[in-house]
Amino acid sequence: MCHISLKGDTMYLENFRYRLAREWQGSLFRVSDVYRINRRAKEYLYRLSKEGYLKRIYWGWYFIPAEYKDPWEFLAGDSGFKVIIKQTAASLWNYDFVHRDVYRLAVKNRSYGKALEKFAGEMGWNFEVEYHERIPYEYRKTDGLFVETIESSIVSCISEWSFLDAFAVLYFRRDEVSLEKLKRMGRWKRISGTDTRVWTALKYGCRLFNESLGKKMFRVKIKGGLGEDVKELIQEAVAKVVESA
């Protein structure tokens, strides 16, 4: 009887392992996510982790070891809700004009955010994760990922002094970008540590593009002044984009 019991238990464990791989291979998951597979999920996860089949990455979070060609492959395959934001979103919109090895994300589940950062550290990646009860960025689904929209990412980057990221997006996506939306989003948002409105900085950059390229690509009216330090950095950013374009 004991032999039959052990054989049956092994069969249940193997079935659990199979279903776990089918549903969660390549993704972080919680104990609570897999209880629907088997009511003994917690016990089985512990046993599989002892065997080395899976790893506990953070309190209550696990993953099945796998190889990824880059962080993007993991982010696309991971089932948790997250939004690609700021400079990382901008790199998608401006064709990686400014390459960065930091991946900026926003999540609504604090525990999941901690698990993402811990997992990234084990993989040798650098994830910077923000937690929000309500995601404060406009986003849309692109290639299986939720990504901050073109306009929102431009405003986010300008507000953090990442002018090159922002103006590269503005230039390369000029046929898609909505100046009205940029005005609405950037009118009251300010560049960090200053009283300068993002929309004022954007209009100045638009004027520089028009002047540098000798045509009115962006129809904006310039009102309001900018500090010399902000002006100089915007001039450098626009010049680099124009030079590469």
Protein backbone atom coordinates (compact mmCIF):
# COMPACT_ATOMS: atom_id res chain seq x y z
CA MET A 1 0.00 0.00 0.00
CA CYS A 2 2.83 2.33 0.84
CA HIS A 3 4.41 1.67 -2.59
CA ILE A 4 1.16 2.51 -4.36
CA SER A 5 0.76 5.69 -2.32
CA LEU A 6 4.26 6.90 -3.16
CA LYS A 7 3.75 6.11 -6.84
CA GLY A 8 0.49 8.01 -6.87
CA ASP A 9 2.06 10.99 -5.14
CA THR A 10 4.88 11.06 -7.70
CA MET A 11 2.32 11.01 -10.49
CA TYR A 12 0.48 14.00 -9.00
CA LEU A 13 3.77 15.88 -8.63
CA GLU A 14 4.75 15.20 -12.23
CA ASN A 15 1.35 16.32 -13.45
CA PHE A 16 1.73 19.50 -11.40
CA ARG A 17 5.19 20.06 -12.89
CA TYR A 18 3.85 19.60 -16.42
CA ARG A 19 0.97 22.04 -15.94
CA LEU A 20 3.24 24.54 -14.23
CA ALA A 21 5.64 24.55 -17.17
CA ARG A 22 2.81 24.80 -19.70
CA GLU A 23 1.25 27.83 -18.03
CA TRP A 24 4.15 29.65 -16.35
CA GLN A 25 7.38 28.85 -18.20
CA GLY A 26 9.11 32.18 -18.82
CA SER A 27 7.02 34.11 -16.30
CA LEU A 28 7.14 35.00 -12.64
CA PHE A 29 4.26 33.49 -10.66
CA ARG A 30 2.92 33.41 -7.11
CA VAL A 31 1.85 30.53 -4.94
CA SER A 32 -1.70 31.90 -5.12
CA ASP A 33 -1.56 31.75 -8.94
CA VAL A 34 -1.09 27.99 -8.98
CA TYR A 35 -3.45 26.84 -6.26
CA ARG A 36 -6.06 26.26 -8.96
CA ILE A 37 -3.75 23.60 -10.46
CA ASN A 38 -3.56 21.63 -7.23
CA ARG A 39 -4.56 22.34 -3.65
CA ARG A 40 -1.13 21.04 -2.57
CA ALA A 41 0.59 23.74 -4.68
CA LYS A 42 2.61 25.18 -1.79
CA GLU A 43 4.01 21.76 -0.88
CA TYR A 44 4.77 20.88 -4.48
CA LEU A 45 6.48 24.21 -5.16
CA TYR A 46 8.69 23.63 -2.14
CA ARG A 47 9.60 20.14 -3.34
CA LEU A 48 10.32 21.28 -6.89
CA SER A 49 12.48 24.12 -5.62
CA LYS A 50 14.48 21.64 -3.51
CA GLU A 51 15.00 19.57 -6.68
CA GLY A 52 16.24 22.68 -8.51
CA TYR A 53 13.41 22.61 -11.04
CA LEU A 54 12.26 26.10 -10.04
CA LYS A 55 13.57 28.96 -7.92
CA ARG A 56 12.00 31.09 -5.24
CA ILE A 57 12.84 34.62 -6.27
CA TYR A 58 11.06 36.69 -3.65
CA TRP A 59 8.54 36.22 -0.86
CA GLY A 60 5.80 34.09 -2.45
CA TRP A 61 7.21 34.46 -6.00
CA TYR A 62 8.81 31.76 -8.15
CA PHE A 63 10.12 31.20 -11.66
CA ILE A 64 11.18 28.21 -13.73
CA PRO A 65 14.82 28.76 -14.83
CA ALA A 66 15.05 29.59 -18.52
CA GLU A 67 17.37 31.34 -20.96
CA TYR A 68 16.46 34.69 -22.50
CA LYS A 69 18.26 36.39 -25.36
CA ASP A 70 17.64 39.76 -23.70
CA PRO A 71 15.39 41.45 -21.10
CA TRP A 72 12.81 42.25 -23.78
CA GLU A 73 12.15 38.55 -24.37
CA PHE A 74 11.44 38.08 -20.67
CA LEU A 75 9.27 41.21 -20.41
CA ALA A 76 7.16 40.11 -23.37
CA GLY A 77 6.71 36.59 -22.00
CA ASP A 78 6.10 37.52 -18.37
CA SER A 79 2.39 37.61 -17.59
CA GLY A 80 2.42 40.18 -14.78
CA PHE A 81 0.94 43.63 -15.44
CA LYS A 82 3.63 46.23 -16.05
CA VAL A 83 4.08 49.32 -18.19
CA ILE A 84 7.31 50.26 -19.99
CA ILE A 85 7.85 53.93 -19.14
CA LYS A 86 10.02 57.03 -19.51
CA GLN A 87 13.44 56.59 -21.16
CA THR A 88 12.82 52.89 -21.83
CA ALA A 89 9.57 53.64 -23.64
CA ALA A 90 11.32 56.46 -25.50
CA SER A 91 13.99 54.02 -26.71
CA LEU A 92 11.25 51.98 -28.40
CA TRP A 93 9.75 55.02 -30.08
CA ASN A 94 13.07 56.56 -31.20
CA TYR A 95 14.59 53.30 -32.47
CA ASP A 96 17.02 53.09 -29.54
CA PHE A 97 18.61 56.43 -30.50
CA VAL A 98 19.85 56.67 -26.91
CA HIS A 99 20.76 53.17 -25.74
CA ARG A 100 20.34 52.58 -22.02
CA ASP A 101 20.86 49.42 -20.01
CA VAL A 102 18.29 50.44 -17.39
CA TYR A 103 14.72 49.25 -17.93
CA ARG A 104 12.11 51.50 -16.31
CA LEU A 105 8.77 49.96 -15.44
CA ALA A 106 5.60 50.87 -13.59
CA VAL A 107 3.47 48.31 -11.73
CA LYS A 108 0.34 48.31 -9.58
CA ASN A 109 1.39 45.42 -7.33
CA ARG A 110 4.21 46.32 -4.95
CA SER A 111 5.16 42.69 -4.27
CA TYR A 112 5.36 41.97 -8.00
CA GLY A 113 7.57 45.04 -8.47
CA LYS A 114 9.98 43.77 -5.81
CA ALA A 115 10.01 40.35 -7.46
CA LEU A 116 10.81 41.93 -10.85
CA GLU A 117 13.76 43.85 -9.42
CA LYS A 118 15.08 40.80 -7.58
CA PHE A 119 14.70 38.59 -10.65
CA ALA A 120 16.44 41.17 -12.86
CA GLY A 121 19.32 41.34 -10.42
CA GLU A 122 19.81 37.57 -10.60
CA MET A 123 19.80 37.78 -14.39
CA GLY A 124 22.33 40.63 -14.43
CA TRP A 125 19.75 43.15 -15.63
CA ASN A 126 18.85 46.52 -14.17
CA PHE A 127 15.12 47.10 -13.66
CA GLU A 128 13.92 50.30 -12.00
CA VAL A 129 10.33 49.68 -10.94
CA GLU A 130 7.82 52.30 -9.80
CA TYR A 131 4.75 51.34 -7.79
CA HIS A 132 1.46 53.19 -8.34
CA GLU A 133 -2.06 52.38 -7.21
CA ARG A 134 -3.10 53.97 -10.50
CA ILE A 135 -0.60 54.15 -13.36
CA PRO A 136 -0.07 57.91 -13.97
CA TYR A 137 1.17 57.50 -17.53
CA GLU A 138 -0.82 57.09 -20.71
CA TYR A 139 0.02 53.72 -22.28
CA ARG A 140 -1.02 51.34 -25.02
CA LYS A 141 -0.32 47.73 -25.98
CA THR A 142 2.50 47.29 -28.49
CA ASP A 143 4.03 43.94 -29.52
CA GLY A 144 2.60 42.23 -26.45
CA LEU A 145 3.79 44.90 -24.02
CA PHE A 146 2.09 47.87 -22.39
CA VAL A 147 4.22 50.87 -23.35
CA GLU A 148 3.90 54.53 -22.41
CA THR A 149 2.54 56.40 -25.43
CA ILE A 150 4.69 58.58 -27.67
CA GLU A 151 3.43 61.86 -26.24
CA SER A 152 3.46 60.72 -22.63
CA SER A 153 7.03 59.38 -22.91
CA ILE A 154 8.20 62.67 -24.43
CA VAL A 155 6.71 64.62 -21.53
CA SER A 156 8.11 62.18 -18.97
CA CYS A 157 11.62 62.44 -20.42
CA ILE A 158 11.55 66.24 -20.64
CA SER A 159 10.43 66.46 -17.01
CA GLU A 160 13.48 64.37 -16.00
CA TRP A 161 15.99 66.36 -18.10
CA SER A 162 16.33 63.53 -20.62
CA PHE A 163 16.11 65.95 -23.53
CA LEU A 164 17.93 63.82 -26.09
CA ASP A 165 15.56 60.87 -25.56
CA ALA A 166 12.54 63.15 -25.86
CA PHE A 167 13.54 65.16 -28.91
CA ALA A 168 14.68 62.03 -30.76
CA VAL A 169 11.15 60.65 -30.27
CA LEU A 170 9.62 63.95 -31.35
CA TYR A 171 11.68 64.02 -34.54
CA PHE A 172 11.49 60.38 -35.62
CA ARG A 173 7.77 60.13 -34.80
CA ARG A 174 6.85 63.60 -36.04
CA ASP A 175 4.19 62.24 -38.39
CA GLU A 176 2.48 60.39 -35.51
CA VAL A 177 2.88 62.79 -32.61
CA SER A 178 0.00 65.06 -31.58
CA LEU A 179 1.12 68.55 -30.61
CA GLU A 180 -2.27 69.16 -29.06
CA LYS A 181 -1.83 66.17 -26.80
CA LEU A 182 1.71 67.28 -25.94
CA LYS A 183 0.36 70.70 -25.05
CA ARG A 184 -2.31 69.20 -22.82
CA MET A 185 0.12 66.86 -21.09
CA GLY A 186 3.02 69.26 -20.77
CA ARG A 187 1.24 72.51 -20.03
CA TRP A 188 1.21 72.07 -16.25
CA LYS A 189 4.04 69.57 -15.80
CA ARG A 190 7.39 71.10 -14.95
CA ILE A 191 11.00 70.12 -15.49
CA SER A 192 12.20 68.60 -12.22
CA GLY A 193 13.69 71.17 -9.84
CA THR A 194 12.59 74.16 -11.93
CA ASP A 195 9.57 76.32 -12.63
CA THR A 196 9.90 75.66 -16.36
CA ARG A 197 6.89 74.02 -17.96
CA VAL A 198 7.54 71.01 -20.16
CA TRP A 199 5.40 72.48 -22.94
CA THR A 200 7.58 75.62 -23.01
CA ALA A 201 10.71 73.49 -23.39
CA LEU A 202 9.05 71.43 -26.13
CA LYS A 203 8.06 74.51 -28.12
CA TYR A 204 11.61 75.80 -27.96
CA GLY A 205 12.90 72.47 -29.29
CA CYS A 206 10.32 72.57 -32.08
CA ARG A 207 11.53 76.02 -33.10
CA LEU A 208 15.12 74.78 -33.19
CA PHE A 209 14.13 71.89 -35.45
CA ASN A 210 12.35 74.30 -37.80
CA GLU A 211 15.37 76.61 -37.92
CA SER A 212 17.96 73.84 -38.29
CA LEU A 213 16.11 72.05 -41.10
CA GLY A 214 14.93 75.20 -42.84
CA LYS A 215 11.26 74.25 -42.88
CA LYS A 216 8.27 74.52 -40.60
CA MET A 217 7.99 70.95 -39.43
CA PHE A 218 6.27 71.91 -36.18
CA ARG A 219 3.68 74.67 -36.02
CA VAL A 220 4.13 76.27 -32.61
CA LYS A 221 4.19 79.78 -31.23
CA ILE A 222 6.94 80.55 -28.76
CA LYS A 223 5.92 82.42 -25.62
CA GLY A 224 7.65 82.46 -22.28
CA GLY A 225 11.33 82.29 -21.47
CA LEU A 226 13.70 79.48 -20.57
CA GLY A 227 16.73 79.45 -18.32
CA GLU A 228 20.06 79.44 -20.12
CA ASP A 229 20.98 76.02 -18.72
CA VAL A 230 17.79 74.48 -20.07
CA LYS A 231 18.21 76.26 -23.41
CA GLU A 232 21.76 75.01 -23.81
CA LEU A 233 20.84 71.40 -23.10
CA ILE A 234 17.90 71.51 -25.51
CA GLN A 235 20.13 73.03 -28.19
CA GLU A 236 22.65 70.21 -27.73
CA ALA A 237 19.92 67.56 -27.90
CA VAL A 238 18.30 68.95 -31.05
CA ALA A 239 21.71 69.37 -32.74
CA LYS A 240 22.57 65.71 -32.10
CA VAL A 241 19.25 64.52 -33.49
CA VAL A 242 19.55 66.71 -36.60
CA GLU A 243 23.14 65.61 -37.15
CA SER A 244 22.20 61.92 -37.02
CA ALA A 245 19.07 62.39 -39.10
